[in-house]
C-alpha atoms as a PDB file:
ATOM      1  CA  MET A   1     105.885 -35.280  96.247  1.00  0.00           C
ATOM      2  CA  SER A   2     103.469 -34.946  99.161  1.00  0.00           C
ATOM      3  CA  SER A   3     100.607 -37.418  99.501  1.00  0.00           C
ATOM      4  CA  LEU A   4      98.155 -34.552  98.933  1.00  0.00           C
ATOM      5  CA  ALA A   5      99.935 -33.511  95.738  1.00  0.00           C
ATOM      6  CA  HIS A   6      99.922 -37.137  94.572  1.00  0.00           C
ATOM      7  CA  SER A   7      96.194 -37.447  95.326  1.00  0.00           C
ATOM      8  CA  LEU A   8      95.413 -34.192  93.525  1.00  0.00           C
ATOM      9  CA  GLN A   9      97.501 -35.145  90.486  1.00  0.00           C
ATOM     10  CA  SER A  10      96.070 -38.653  90.229  1.00  0.00           C
ATOM     11  CA  GLY A  11      92.496 -37.547  90.757  1.00  0.00           C
ATOM     12  CA  GLU A  12      92.173 -39.746  93.830  1.00  0.00           C
ATOM     13  CA  PRO A  13      89.772 -38.429  96.455  1.00  0.00           C
ATOM     14  CA  THR A  14      91.255 -36.466  99.317  1.00  0.00           C
ATOM     15  CA  PRO A  15      89.899 -36.359 102.908  1.00  0.00           C
ATOM     16  CA  ASP A  16      87.912 -33.159 102.270  1.00  0.00           C
ATOM     17  CA  ASP A  17      87.520 -33.213  98.516  1.00  0.00           C
ATOM     18  CA  ASP A  18      84.667 -30.777  98.342  1.00  0.00           C
ATOM     19  CA  GLY A  19      85.765 -27.481  99.706  1.00  0.00           C
ATOM     20  CA  PRO A  20      88.088 -24.740 100.788  1.00  0.00           C
ATOM     21  CA  ALA A  21      90.049 -27.009 103.146  1.00  0.00           C
ATOM     22  CA  THR A  22      91.305 -29.039 100.184  1.00  0.00           C
ATOM     23  CA  LEU A  23      92.221 -25.871  98.308  1.00  0.00           C
ATOM     24  CA  MET A  24      94.105 -24.495 101.324  1.00  0.00           C
ATOM     25  CA  ALA A  25      95.900 -27.840 101.756  1.00  0.00           C
ATOM     26  CA  ALA A  26      96.853 -27.822  98.066  1.00  0.00           C
ATOM     27  CA  MET A  27      98.218 -24.266  98.331  1.00  0.00           C
ATOM     28  CA  SER A  28     100.187 -25.237 101.425  1.00  0.00           C
ATOM     29  CA  ALA A  29     101.597 -28.282  99.613  1.00  0.00           C
ATOM     30  CA  MET A  30     102.598 -26.039  96.693  1.00  0.00           C
ATOM     31  CA  GLN A  31     104.379 -23.610  99.054  1.00  0.00           C
ATOM     32  CA  THR A  32     106.225 -26.524 100.660  1.00  0.00           C
ATOM     33  CA  ALA A  33     107.248 -27.887  97.253  1.00  0.00           C
ATOM     34  CA  ASP A  34     108.486 -24.400  96.285  1.00  0.00           C
ATOM     35  CA  ALA A  35     110.571 -24.114  99.464  1.00  0.00           C
ATOM     36  CA  LEU A  36     112.051 -27.582  98.941  1.00  0.00           C
ATOM     37  CA  LEU A  37     112.861 -26.709  95.327  1.00  0.00           C
ATOM     38  CA  ARG A  38     114.669 -23.568  96.537  1.00  0.00           C
ATOM     39  CA  TRP A  39     116.717 -25.676  98.983  1.00  0.00           C
ATOM     40  CA  ARG A  40     117.630 -28.152  96.228  1.00  0.00           C
ATOM     41  CA  LEU A  41     118.574 -25.238  93.991  1.00  0.00           C
ATOM     42  CA  ARG A  42     120.775 -23.813  96.756  1.00  0.00           C
ATOM     43  CA  ASP A  43     122.540 -27.165  97.110  1.00  0.00           C
ATOM     44  CA  ARG A  44     122.968 -27.625  93.361  1.00  0.00           C
ATOM     45  CA  LEU A  45     124.428 -24.142  92.921  1.00  0.00           C
ATOM     46  CA  THR A  46     126.485 -24.580  96.121  1.00  0.00           C
ATOM     47  CA  LEU A  47     125.194 -21.352  97.579  1.00  0.00           C
ATOM     48  CA  ARG A  48     124.607 -20.425 101.193  1.00  0.00           C
ATOM     49  CA  ALA A  49     121.068 -19.663 102.361  1.00  0.00           C
ATOM     50  CA  ASN A  50     121.595 -15.881 102.295  1.00  0.00           C
ATOM     51  CA  GLU A  51     123.162 -16.104  98.846  1.00  0.00           C
ATOM     52  CA  ILE A  52     120.201 -17.967  97.313  1.00  0.00           C
ATOM     53  CA  MET A  53     117.834 -15.478  98.968  1.00  0.00           C
ATOM     54  CA  ALA A  54     119.857 -12.554  97.578  1.00  0.00           C
ATOM     55  CA  LEU A  55     119.998 -14.156  94.126  1.00  0.00           C
ATOM     56  CA  GLU A  56     116.232 -14.689  94.131  1.00  0.00           C
ATOM     57  CA  PHE A  57     115.628 -11.126  95.363  1.00  0.00           C
ATOM     58  CA  VAL A  58     117.789  -9.639  92.590  1.00  0.00           C
ATOM     59  CA  MET A  59     116.220 -11.961  90.005  1.00  0.00           C
ATOM     60  CA  ARG A  60     112.674 -10.928  90.903  1.00  0.00           C
ATOM     61  CA  LEU A  61     113.404  -7.186  91.006  1.00  0.00           C
ATOM     62  CA  ASP A  62     115.518  -7.357  87.857  1.00  0.00           C
ATOM     63  CA  HIS A  63     112.574  -9.070  86.136  1.00  0.00           C
ATOM     64  CA  LEU A  64     110.429  -6.079  87.161  1.00  0.00           C
ATOM     65  CA  ARG A  65     113.201  -3.766  85.867  1.00  0.00           C
ATOM     66  CA  GLU A  66     113.686  -2.340  89.356  1.00  0.00           C
ATOM     67  CA  PRO A  67     117.203  -1.286  90.388  1.00  0.00           C
ATOM     68  CA  VAL A  68     118.780  -3.342  93.174  1.00  0.00           C
ATOM     69  CA  ARG A  69     121.392  -1.874  95.506  1.00  0.00           C
ATOM     70  CA  ALA A  70     123.379  -3.545  98.283  1.00  0.00           C
ATOM     71  CA  THR A  71     121.217  -1.612 100.755  1.00  0.00           C
ATOM     72  CA  ASP A  72     118.064  -3.149  99.246  1.00  0.00           C
ATOM     73  CA  VAL A  73     119.516  -6.648  99.616  1.00  0.00           C
ATOM     74  CA  ALA A  74     120.591  -5.900 103.202  1.00  0.00           C
ATOM     75  CA  ASN A  75     117.069  -4.755 104.075  1.00  0.00           C
ATOM     76  CA  ALA A  76     115.444  -7.739 102.343  1.00  0.00           C
ATOM     77  CA  LEU A  77     117.711 -10.265 104.068  1.00  0.00           C
ATOM     78  CA  GLY A  78     117.842  -8.509 107.435  1.00  0.00           C
ATOM     79  CA  VAL A  79     121.633  -8.291 107.400  1.00  0.00           C
ATOM     80  CA  SER A  80     124.103  -5.422 107.606  1.00  0.00           C
ATOM     81  CA  ARG A  81     125.135  -3.554 104.477  1.00  0.00           C
ATOM     82  CA  GLY A  82     128.628  -4.987 104.929  1.00  0.00           C
ATOM     83  CA  ALA A  83     127.250  -8.529 104.976  1.00  0.00           C
ATOM     84  CA  SER A  84     125.156  -7.852 101.870  1.00  0.00           C
ATOM     85  CA  THR A  85     128.247  -6.500 100.107  1.00  0.00           C
ATOM     86  CA  ILE A  86     130.097  -9.771 100.821  1.00  0.00           C
ATOM     87  CA  ILE A  87     127.116 -11.854  99.656  1.00  0.00           C
ATOM     88  CA  LEU A  88     126.763  -9.825  96.449  1.00  0.00           C
ATOM     89  CA  ALA A  89     130.520  -9.921  95.764  1.00  0.00           C
ATOM     90  CA  ARG A  90     130.449 -13.727  95.930  1.00  0.00           C
ATOM     91  CA  LEU A  91     127.492 -13.862  93.523  1.00  0.00           C
ATOM     92  CA  VAL A  92     129.290 -11.486  91.124  1.00  0.00           C
ATOM     93  CA  GLU A  93     132.451 -13.614  91.400  1.00  0.00           C
ATOM     94  CA  ARG A  94     130.458 -16.762  90.549  1.00  0.00           C
ATOM     95  CA  GLY A  95     129.002 -15.022  87.465  1.00  0.00           C
ATOM     96  CA  TYR A  96     125.416 -15.013  88.776  1.00  0.00           C
ATOM     97  CA  LEU A  97     125.193 -11.206  89.046  1.00  0.00           C
ATOM     98  CA  THR A  98     126.725  -8.199  87.345  1.00  0.00           C
ATOM     99  CA  ARG A  99     127.428  -4.882  89.007  1.00  0.00           C
ATOM    100  CA  THR A 100     126.915  -1.561  87.211  1.00  0.00           C
ATOM    101  CA  SER A 101     127.373   2.009  88.377  1.00  0.00           C
ATOM    102  CA  ASN A 102     124.277   3.740  89.663  1.00  0.00           C
ATOM    103  CA  PRO A 103     123.317   6.092  86.798  1.00  0.00           C
ATOM    104  CA  ARG A 104     121.932   8.677  89.241  1.00  0.00           C
ATOM    105  CA  ASP A 105     125.095   9.312  91.228  1.00  0.00           C
ATOM    106  CA  GLY A 106     127.834   7.110  89.735  1.00  0.00           C
ATOM    107  CA  ARG A 107     129.050   6.190  93.225  1.00  0.00           C
ATOM    108  CA  GLY A 108     126.752   3.344  94.172  1.00  0.00           C
ATOM    109  CA  HIS A 109     126.104   0.141  92.281  1.00  0.00           C
ATOM    110  CA  HIS A 110     123.123  -1.726  90.879  1.00  0.00           C
ATOM    111  CA  PHE A 111     123.110  -5.526  90.632  1.00  0.00           C
ATOM    112  CA  HIS A 112     121.607  -7.546  87.794  1.00  0.00           C
ATOM    113  CA  PHE A 113     120.766 -11.218  87.239  1.00  0.00           C
ATOM    114  CA  THR A 114     122.939 -12.770  84.482  1.00  0.00           C
ATOM    115  CA  GLU A 115     122.321 -15.229  81.658  1.00  0.00           C
ATOM    116  CA  VAL A 116     124.710 -17.609  83.465  1.00  0.00           C
ATOM    117  CA  ALA A 117     122.431 -17.541  86.505  1.00  0.00           C
ATOM    118  CA  ALA A 118     119.298 -17.916  84.360  1.00  0.00           C
ATOM    119  CA  ARG A 119     120.798 -20.936  82.589  1.00  0.00           C
ATOM    120  CA  GLU A 120     121.956 -22.597  85.817  1.00  0.00           C
ATOM    121  CA  VAL A 121     118.597 -22.008  87.495  1.00  0.00           C
ATOM    122  CA  ALA A 122     116.776 -23.408  84.435  1.00  0.00           C
ATOM    123  CA  GLU A 123     119.012 -26.502  84.434  1.00  0.00           C
ATOM    124  CA  ALA A 124     118.514 -27.008  88.166  1.00  0.00           C
ATOM    125  CA  VAL A 125     114.726 -26.641  87.923  1.00  0.00           C
ATOM    126  CA  GLY A 126     114.674 -29.108  85.035  1.00  0.00           C
ATOM    127  CA  ASP A 127     111.401 -29.989  83.363  1.00  0.00           C
ATOM    128  CA  SER A 128     109.172 -28.505  86.082  1.00  0.00           C
ATOM    129  CA  ARG A 129     108.594 -25.324  84.096  1.00  0.00           C
ATOM    130  CA  HIS A 130     107.492 -27.333  81.032  1.00  0.00           C
ATOM    131  CA  GLU A 131     105.291 -29.566  83.174  1.00  0.00           C
ATOM    132  CA  ILE A 132     103.615 -26.520  84.735  1.00  0.00           C
ATOM    133  CA  ASP A 133     103.118 -24.990  81.266  1.00  0.00           C
ATOM    134  CA  ALA A 134     101.498 -28.249  80.110  1.00  0.00           C
ATOM    135  CA  LEU A 135      99.178 -28.304  83.140  1.00  0.00           C
ATOM    136  CA  VAL A 136      98.144 -24.683  82.651  1.00  0.00           C
ATOM    137  CA  SER A 137      97.625 -25.067  78.904  1.00  0.00           C
ATOM    138  CA  GLY A 138      95.006 -27.728  79.647  1.00  0.00           C
ATOM    139  CA  LEU A 139      92.777 -25.250  81.483  1.00  0.00           C
ATOM    140  CA  SER A 140      89.682 -23.842  79.864  1.00  0.00           C
ATOM    141  CA  PRO A 141      89.538 -20.049  79.491  1.00  0.00           C
ATOM    142  CA  ARG A 142      86.951 -19.929  82.298  1.00  0.00           C
ATOM    143  CA  GLU A 143      89.123 -22.034  84.639  1.00  0.00           C
ATOM    144  CA  SER A 144      92.121 -19.918  83.770  1.00  0.00           C
ATOM    145  CA  ARG A 145      90.261 -16.669  84.577  1.00  0.00           C
ATOM    146  CA  ARG A 146      89.010 -18.031  87.928  1.00  0.00           C
ATOM    147  CA  ILE A 147      92.424 -19.295  88.995  1.00  0.00           C
ATOM    148  CA  THR A 148      94.075 -16.053  87.856  1.00  0.00           C
ATOM    149  CA  ALA A 149      91.566 -13.989  89.859  1.00  0.00           C
ATOM    150  CA  LEU A 150      92.161 -16.161  92.928  1.00  0.00           C
ATOM    151  CA  LEU A 151      95.957 -15.913  92.623  1.00  0.00           C
ATOM    152  CA  ILE A 152      95.803 -12.128  92.156  1.00  0.00           C
ATOM    153  CA  ALA A 153      93.605 -11.812  95.257  1.00  0.00           C
ATOM    154  CA  ILE A 154      95.930 -14.059  97.301  1.00  0.00           C
ATOM    155  CA  THR A 155      98.954 -12.097  96.075  1.00  0.00           C
ATOM    156  CA  GLY A 156      97.315  -8.843  97.159  1.00  0.00           C
ATOM    157  CA  THR A 157      96.573 -10.307 100.577  1.00  0.00           C
ATOM    158  CA  LEU A 158     100.180 -11.475 100.972  1.00  0.00           C
ATOM    159  CA  ASP A 159     101.500  -8.116  99.750  1.00  0.00           C
ATOM    160  CA  ARG A 160      99.477  -6.342 102.452  1.00  0.00           C
ATOM    161  CA  GLY A 161     100.395  -8.829 105.199  1.00  0.00           C
ATOM    162  CA  GLY A 162     103.217  -8.063 107.559  1.00  0.00           C
ATOM    163  CA  VAL A 163     103.543  -4.450 106.415  1.00  0.00           C
ATOM    164  CA  VAL A 164     104.590  -2.213 109.278  1.00  0.00           C
ATOM    165  CA  GLN A 165     102.385   0.859 109.308  1.00  0.00           C
ATOM    166  CA  PRO A 166     104.099   4.190 110.032  1.00  0.00           C
ATOM    167  CA  THR A 167     103.267   5.576 113.483  1.00  0.00           C
END
């Protein structure tokens, strides 16, 4: 745990405890903790970096009920379609993904996150999900609305960032 995260959790004062700088530092610490968790998850599941990225990509789109093709994974990871096919085949072999025929043309495939993967991810993440639920359940409705509004605004900003505009 970072010293900032420890200070925030314990209620100890931080260097700039009264403003946006502390909030930005806390968000940065949360992003770092998330990245480190992903690396620990990769090690625990004995996956390569591209495989954990592909697994996360499929998991997120599957959660949104969006179809995921090998081409989508290739584009998301910045690899060739052939490389994405190898990555996806390994994840299917390990039981983390299933492959179904594309209902539109029957030739291509869609990939789906499995219960095996969900269980292994949940075991690897451990109690963090329950701890986060406990922290969030302690918020007042007003605090919850303010934080939700902030997170939605930040998400929108991140969604718009880095988008290549057509010329």
